Amino acid sequence: MNALSEEPPAMDAELSDAIGPYFSRGHSPYPRVDRRAAGATARKRTPEVLVREIESLVAEMNSIPVDWTEVGYERGCRYVIDSMARRHPELTGAAMKTLGWNFSYVNR
């Protein structure tokens, strides 16, 4: 919630809608980066800006520290996904699920 207005942050449909195509969700059995497909979904942003924003989210997700030996794979992935969901309430559930799909695949 916004501390000043008590309203939840607005969903970022454009960014959320580009995350699935970026990872080839629905077209590949594993996450596969497709910058062109993500850029093709651009409406208000340029394709390049949209792709950079997705890559920034991925970098942020990968920078969250996890002690894999202590928490294990499943709990570690869940911790990172939940952390990102709290940090980015503007993303849809489907977008977060896709980011989590990529994160869990990369860290398997």
N, C-alpha and C. Protein backbone atom coordinates (compact mmCIF):
# COMPACT_ATOMS: atom_id res chain seq x y z
N MET A 1 0.83 -1.18 0.00
CA MET A 1 0.00 0.00 0.00
C MET A 1 0.88 1.25 0.00
N ASN A 2 0.40 2.24 -0.68
CA ASN A 2 1.06 3.53 -0.70
C ASN A 2 0.83 4.20 0.65
N ALA A 3 1.89 4.60 1.32
CA ALA A 3 1.78 5.17 2.66
C ALA A 3 0.97 6.46 2.68
N LEU A 4 0.94 7.18 1.59
CA LEU A 4 0.21 8.45 1.57
C LEU A 4 -1.26 8.27 1.25
N SER A 5 -1.59 7.34 0.38
CA SER A 5 -2.97 7.25 -0.08
C SER A 5 -3.71 6.00 0.37
N GLU A 6 -3.01 5.04 0.92
CA GLU A 6 -3.62 3.78 1.34
C GLU A 6 -4.21 2.98 0.18
N GLU A 7 -3.86 3.36 -1.05
CA GLU A 7 -4.32 2.61 -2.22
C GLU A 7 -3.24 1.63 -2.63
N PRO A 8 -3.63 0.45 -3.08
CA PRO A 8 -2.62 -0.48 -3.57
C PRO A 8 -1.97 0.08 -4.83
N PRO A 9 -0.72 -0.29 -5.10
CA PRO A 9 -0.07 0.21 -6.31
C PRO A 9 -0.81 -0.30 -7.55
N ALA A 10 -0.78 0.49 -8.59
CA ALA A 10 -1.43 0.09 -9.84
C ALA A 10 -0.67 -1.05 -10.48
N MET A 11 -1.41 -1.96 -11.09
CA MET A 11 -0.78 -3.05 -11.82
C MET A 11 -0.08 -2.49 -13.05
N ASP A 12 1.04 -3.05 -13.37
CA ASP A 12 1.76 -2.67 -14.58
C ASP A 12 1.50 -3.77 -15.60
N ALA A 13 0.39 -3.63 -16.30
CA ALA A 13 -0.04 -4.66 -17.24
C ALA A 13 0.97 -4.83 -18.37
N GLU A 14 1.53 -3.74 -18.85
CA GLU A 14 2.47 -3.84 -19.97
C GLU A 14 3.70 -4.66 -19.58
N LEU A 15 4.29 -4.35 -18.45
CA LEU A 15 5.46 -5.10 -17.99
C LEU A 15 5.07 -6.54 -17.68
N SER A 16 3.98 -6.73 -16.97
CA SER A 16 3.53 -8.08 -16.62
C SER A 16 3.28 -8.93 -17.86
N ASP A 17 2.63 -8.33 -18.86
CA ASP A 17 2.30 -9.07 -20.09
C ASP A 17 3.52 -9.44 -20.90
N ALA A 18 4.62 -8.73 -20.74
CA ALA A 18 5.83 -9.00 -21.52
C ALA A 18 6.70 -10.10 -20.91
N ILE A 19 6.50 -10.39 -19.64
CA ILE A 19 7.37 -11.36 -18.96
C ILE A 19 7.18 -12.77 -19.51
N GLY A 20 5.96 -13.19 -19.77
CA GLY A 20 5.72 -14.52 -20.34
C GLY A 20 6.42 -14.70 -21.68
N PRO A 21 6.20 -13.81 -22.65
CA PRO A 21 6.89 -13.93 -23.93
C PRO A 21 8.42 -13.85 -23.80
N TYR A 22 8.91 -13.05 -22.86
CA TYR A 22 10.36 -12.94 -22.68
C TYR A 22 10.97 -14.30 -22.38
N PHE A 23 10.27 -15.10 -21.58
CA PHE A 23 10.78 -16.43 -21.22
C PHE A 23 10.19 -17.55 -22.06
N SER A 24 9.51 -17.21 -23.15
CA SER A 24 8.90 -18.20 -24.06
C SER A 24 7.88 -19.07 -23.34
N ARG A 25 7.21 -18.52 -22.33
CA ARG A 25 6.20 -19.26 -21.57
C ARG A 25 5.09 -19.70 -22.52
N GLY A 26 4.76 -20.98 -22.49
CA GLY A 26 3.74 -21.52 -23.37
C GLY A 26 4.28 -22.00 -24.71
N HIS A 27 5.55 -21.70 -24.98
CA HIS A 27 6.16 -22.11 -26.24
C HIS A 27 7.39 -22.98 -26.05
N SER A 28 7.83 -23.12 -24.83
CA SER A 28 9.03 -23.89 -24.53
C SER A 28 8.83 -24.63 -23.21
N PRO A 29 9.35 -25.85 -23.10
CA PRO A 29 9.19 -26.59 -21.84
C PRO A 29 10.09 -26.05 -20.72
N TYR A 30 10.99 -25.16 -21.05
CA TYR A 30 11.88 -24.55 -20.07
C TYR A 30 12.03 -23.07 -20.44
N PRO A 31 12.41 -22.22 -19.50
CA PRO A 31 12.56 -20.80 -19.80
C PRO A 31 13.64 -20.57 -20.86
N ARG A 32 13.27 -19.86 -21.89
CA ARG A 32 14.20 -19.54 -22.98
C ARG A 32 13.96 -18.08 -23.34
N VAL A 33 14.99 -17.27 -23.21
CA VAL A 33 14.86 -15.82 -23.43
C VAL A 33 14.55 -15.52 -24.89
N ASP A 34 13.51 -14.70 -25.08
CA ASP A 34 13.12 -14.23 -26.41
C ASP A 34 12.83 -12.73 -26.30
N ARG A 35 13.88 -11.94 -26.45
CA ARG A 35 13.75 -10.49 -26.32
C ARG A 35 12.81 -9.90 -27.36
N ARG A 36 12.86 -10.46 -28.56
CA ARG A 36 12.01 -9.95 -29.63
C ARG A 36 10.53 -10.14 -29.30
N ALA A 37 10.17 -11.31 -28.78
CA ALA A 37 8.77 -11.57 -28.42
C ALA A 37 8.31 -10.64 -27.31
N ALA A 38 9.17 -10.41 -26.33
CA ALA A 38 8.82 -9.49 -25.25
C ALA A 38 8.66 -8.07 -25.78
N GLY A 39 9.59 -7.64 -26.61
CA GLY A 39 9.54 -6.30 -27.17
C GLY A 39 8.31 -6.08 -28.03
N ALA A 40 7.84 -7.13 -28.67
CA ALA A 40 6.65 -7.03 -29.53
C ALA A 40 5.39 -6.71 -28.73
N THR A 41 5.42 -6.91 -27.43
CA THR A 41 4.25 -6.63 -26.59
C THR A 41 4.21 -5.17 -26.13
N ALA A 42 5.25 -4.41 -26.44
CA ALA A 42 5.36 -3.02 -25.97
C ALA A 42 4.19 -2.18 -26.47
N ARG A 43 3.66 -1.37 -25.57
CA ARG A 43 2.57 -0.46 -25.91
C ARG A 43 2.96 0.98 -25.61
N LYS A 44 3.31 1.28 -24.38
CA LYS A 44 3.70 2.65 -24.01
C LYS A 44 5.22 2.82 -23.97
N ARG A 45 5.93 1.76 -23.60
CA ARG A 45 7.38 1.80 -23.55
C ARG A 45 7.92 1.40 -24.93
N THR A 46 9.19 1.72 -25.15
CA THR A 46 9.84 1.18 -26.34
C THR A 46 10.17 -0.28 -26.05
N PRO A 47 10.31 -1.11 -27.08
CA PRO A 47 10.68 -2.51 -26.84
C PRO A 47 11.98 -2.64 -26.04
N GLU A 48 12.94 -1.78 -26.32
CA GLU A 48 14.23 -1.85 -25.63
C GLU A 48 14.08 -1.55 -24.14
N VAL A 49 13.29 -0.56 -23.82
CA VAL A 49 13.07 -0.21 -22.41
C VAL A 49 12.35 -1.34 -21.69
N LEU A 50 11.36 -1.90 -22.34
CA LEU A 50 10.59 -3.00 -21.73
C LEU A 50 11.50 -4.19 -21.44
N VAL A 51 12.34 -4.56 -22.39
CA VAL A 51 13.26 -5.69 -22.19
C VAL A 51 14.25 -5.37 -21.08
N ARG A 52 14.76 -4.15 -21.04
CA ARG A 52 15.69 -3.77 -19.96
C ARG A 52 15.03 -3.87 -18.60
N GLU A 53 13.77 -3.49 -18.50
CA GLU A 53 13.06 -3.58 -17.22
C GLU A 53 12.91 -5.03 -16.79
N ILE A 54 12.61 -5.92 -17.72
CA ILE A 54 12.51 -7.35 -17.39
C ILE A 54 13.86 -7.86 -16.93
N GLU A 55 14.91 -7.52 -17.65
CA GLU A 55 16.24 -7.99 -17.29
C GLU A 55 16.68 -7.42 -15.94
N SER A 56 16.22 -6.23 -15.61
CA SER A 56 16.50 -5.66 -14.29
C SER A 56 15.79 -6.46 -13.19
N LEU A 57 14.56 -6.88 -13.45
CA LEU A 57 13.84 -7.72 -12.48
C LEU A 57 14.56 -9.05 -12.28
N VAL A 58 15.04 -9.64 -13.37
CA VAL A 58 15.76 -10.92 -13.28
C VAL A 58 17.04 -10.73 -12.47
N ALA A 59 17.77 -9.66 -12.74
CA ALA A 59 19.00 -9.39 -11.99
C ALA A 59 18.71 -9.17 -10.51
N GLU A 60 17.64 -8.44 -10.23
CA GLU A 60 17.26 -8.20 -8.83
C GLU A 60 16.93 -9.53 -8.15
N MET A 61 16.18 -10.36 -8.83
CA MET A 61 15.79 -11.65 -8.26
C MET A 61 17.03 -12.50 -7.98
N ASN A 62 17.97 -12.50 -8.92
CA ASN A 62 19.18 -13.30 -8.76
C ASN A 62 20.12 -12.74 -7.70
N SER A 63 19.91 -11.48 -7.29
CA SER A 63 20.79 -10.88 -6.29
C SER A 63 20.30 -11.10 -4.85
N ILE A 64 19.12 -11.68 -4.70
CA ILE A 64 18.60 -11.92 -3.35
C ILE A 64 19.41 -13.07 -2.74
N PRO A 65 20.07 -12.84 -1.61
CA PRO A 65 20.91 -13.88 -1.04
C PRO A 65 20.09 -15.04 -0.45
N VAL A 66 20.55 -16.23 -0.76
CA VAL A 66 19.92 -17.45 -0.24
C VAL A 66 21.02 -18.39 0.24
N ASP A 67 20.90 -18.90 1.44
CA ASP A 67 21.82 -19.92 1.93
C ASP A 67 21.21 -21.28 1.56
N TRP A 68 21.53 -21.73 0.36
CA TRP A 68 20.92 -22.94 -0.18
C TRP A 68 21.19 -24.16 0.70
N THR A 69 22.37 -24.22 1.32
CA THR A 69 22.69 -25.39 2.15
C THR A 69 21.82 -25.43 3.40
N GLU A 70 21.41 -24.26 3.88
CA GLU A 70 20.59 -24.23 5.09
C GLU A 70 19.10 -24.41 4.79
N VAL A 71 18.59 -23.75 3.76
CA VAL A 71 17.14 -23.78 3.53
C VAL A 71 16.71 -24.79 2.47
N GLY A 72 17.62 -25.25 1.64
CA GLY A 72 17.26 -26.20 0.60
C GLY A 72 16.67 -25.51 -0.63
N TYR A 73 16.50 -26.29 -1.68
CA TYR A 73 16.07 -25.76 -2.98
C TYR A 73 14.66 -25.19 -2.94
N GLU A 74 13.69 -25.97 -2.50
CA GLU A 74 12.29 -25.51 -2.55
C GLU A 74 12.05 -24.29 -1.67
N ARG A 75 12.53 -24.33 -0.44
CA ARG A 75 12.33 -23.18 0.45
C ARG A 75 13.10 -21.96 -0.03
N GLY A 76 14.28 -22.18 -0.58
CA GLY A 76 15.07 -21.07 -1.12
C GLY A 76 14.37 -20.39 -2.28
N CYS A 77 13.86 -21.19 -3.21
CA CYS A 77 13.11 -20.63 -4.34
C CYS A 77 11.88 -19.89 -3.86
N ARG A 78 11.14 -20.49 -2.95
CA ARG A 78 9.92 -19.86 -2.43
C ARG A 78 10.25 -18.53 -1.75
N TYR A 79 11.34 -18.50 -0.99
CA TYR A 79 11.76 -17.27 -0.31
C TYR A 79 12.01 -16.14 -1.32
N VAL A 80 12.74 -16.46 -2.38
CA VAL A 80 13.07 -15.44 -3.38
C VAL A 80 11.82 -14.98 -4.12
N ILE A 81 10.97 -15.91 -4.51
CA ILE A 81 9.73 -15.56 -5.22
C ILE A 81 8.83 -14.70 -4.33
N ASP A 82 8.67 -15.08 -3.08
CA ASP A 82 7.85 -14.29 -2.15
C ASP A 82 8.45 -12.90 -1.92
N SER A 83 9.78 -12.83 -1.83
CA SER A 83 10.44 -11.53 -1.66
C SER A 83 10.17 -10.62 -2.85
N MET A 84 10.25 -11.17 -4.05
CA MET A 84 9.99 -10.37 -5.25
C MET A 84 8.53 -9.94 -5.33
N ALA A 85 7.64 -10.80 -4.92
CA ALA A 85 6.21 -10.44 -4.95
C ALA A 85 5.94 -9.27 -4.00
N ARG A 86 6.60 -9.26 -2.85
CA ARG A 86 6.44 -8.14 -1.91
C ARG A 86 7.07 -6.86 -2.47
N ARG A 87 8.20 -7.00 -3.12
CA ARG A 87 8.89 -5.83 -3.68
C ARG A 87 8.17 -5.25 -4.89
N HIS A 88 7.46 -6.10 -5.62
CA HIS A 88 6.86 -5.68 -6.89
C HIS A 88 5.38 -6.02 -6.97
N PRO A 89 4.58 -5.37 -6.14
CA PRO A 89 3.13 -5.64 -6.17
C PRO A 89 2.47 -5.17 -7.46
N GLU A 90 3.20 -4.43 -8.28
CA GLU A 90 2.65 -3.98 -9.56
C GLU A 90 2.61 -5.10 -10.60
N LEU A 91 3.26 -6.22 -10.31
CA LEU A 91 3.28 -7.35 -11.25
C LEU A 91 2.12 -8.30 -10.96
N THR A 92 1.57 -8.86 -12.01
CA THR A 92 0.48 -9.82 -11.85
C THR A 92 1.00 -11.14 -11.29
N GLY A 93 0.08 -11.96 -10.80
CA GLY A 93 0.45 -13.28 -10.32
C GLY A 93 1.08 -14.12 -11.42
N ALA A 94 0.56 -14.02 -12.63
CA ALA A 94 1.11 -14.78 -13.75
C ALA A 94 2.54 -14.35 -14.05
N ALA A 95 2.81 -13.06 -13.97
CA ALA A 95 4.17 -12.57 -14.21
C ALA A 95 5.12 -13.08 -13.13
N MET A 96 4.68 -13.04 -11.87
CA MET A 96 5.53 -13.54 -10.78
C MET A 96 5.76 -15.04 -10.92
N LYS A 97 4.73 -15.77 -11.34
CA LYS A 97 4.88 -17.21 -11.53
C LYS A 97 5.92 -17.50 -12.61
N THR A 98 5.91 -16.70 -13.67
CA THR A 98 6.88 -16.90 -14.74
C THR A 98 8.29 -16.54 -14.28
N LEU A 99 8.44 -15.45 -13.55
CA LEU A 99 9.75 -15.12 -12.99
C LEU A 99 10.24 -16.23 -12.07
N GLY A 100 9.34 -16.79 -11.27
CA GLY A 100 9.70 -17.90 -10.39
C GLY A 100 10.07 -19.15 -11.16
N TRP A 101 9.37 -19.40 -12.26
CA TRP A 101 9.67 -20.55 -13.13
C TRP A 101 11.11 -20.44 -13.63
N ASN A 102 11.47 -19.25 -14.10
CA ASN A 102 12.84 -19.05 -14.58
C ASN A 102 13.84 -19.20 -13.44
N PHE A 103 13.56 -18.56 -12.30
CA PHE A 103 14.50 -18.62 -11.18
C PHE A 103 14.73 -20.05 -10.72
N SER A 104 13.66 -20.80 -10.59
CA SER A 104 13.81 -22.19 -10.12
C SER A 104 14.53 -23.05 -11.15
N TYR A 105 14.34 -22.75 -12.43
CA TYR A 105 15.04 -23.51 -13.47
C TYR A 105 16.54 -23.20 -13.45
N VAL A 106 16.87 -21.93 -13.38
CA VAL A 106 18.27 -21.51 -13.39
C VAL A 106 19.02 -22.02 -12.16
N ASN A 107 18.34 -22.13 -11.04
CA ASN A 107 18.99 -22.53 -9.79
C ASN A 107 18.79 -23.99 -9.42
N ARG A 108 18.37 -24.79 -10.35
CA ARG A 108 18.12 -26.21 -10.06
C ARG A 108 19.39 -26.96 -9.77
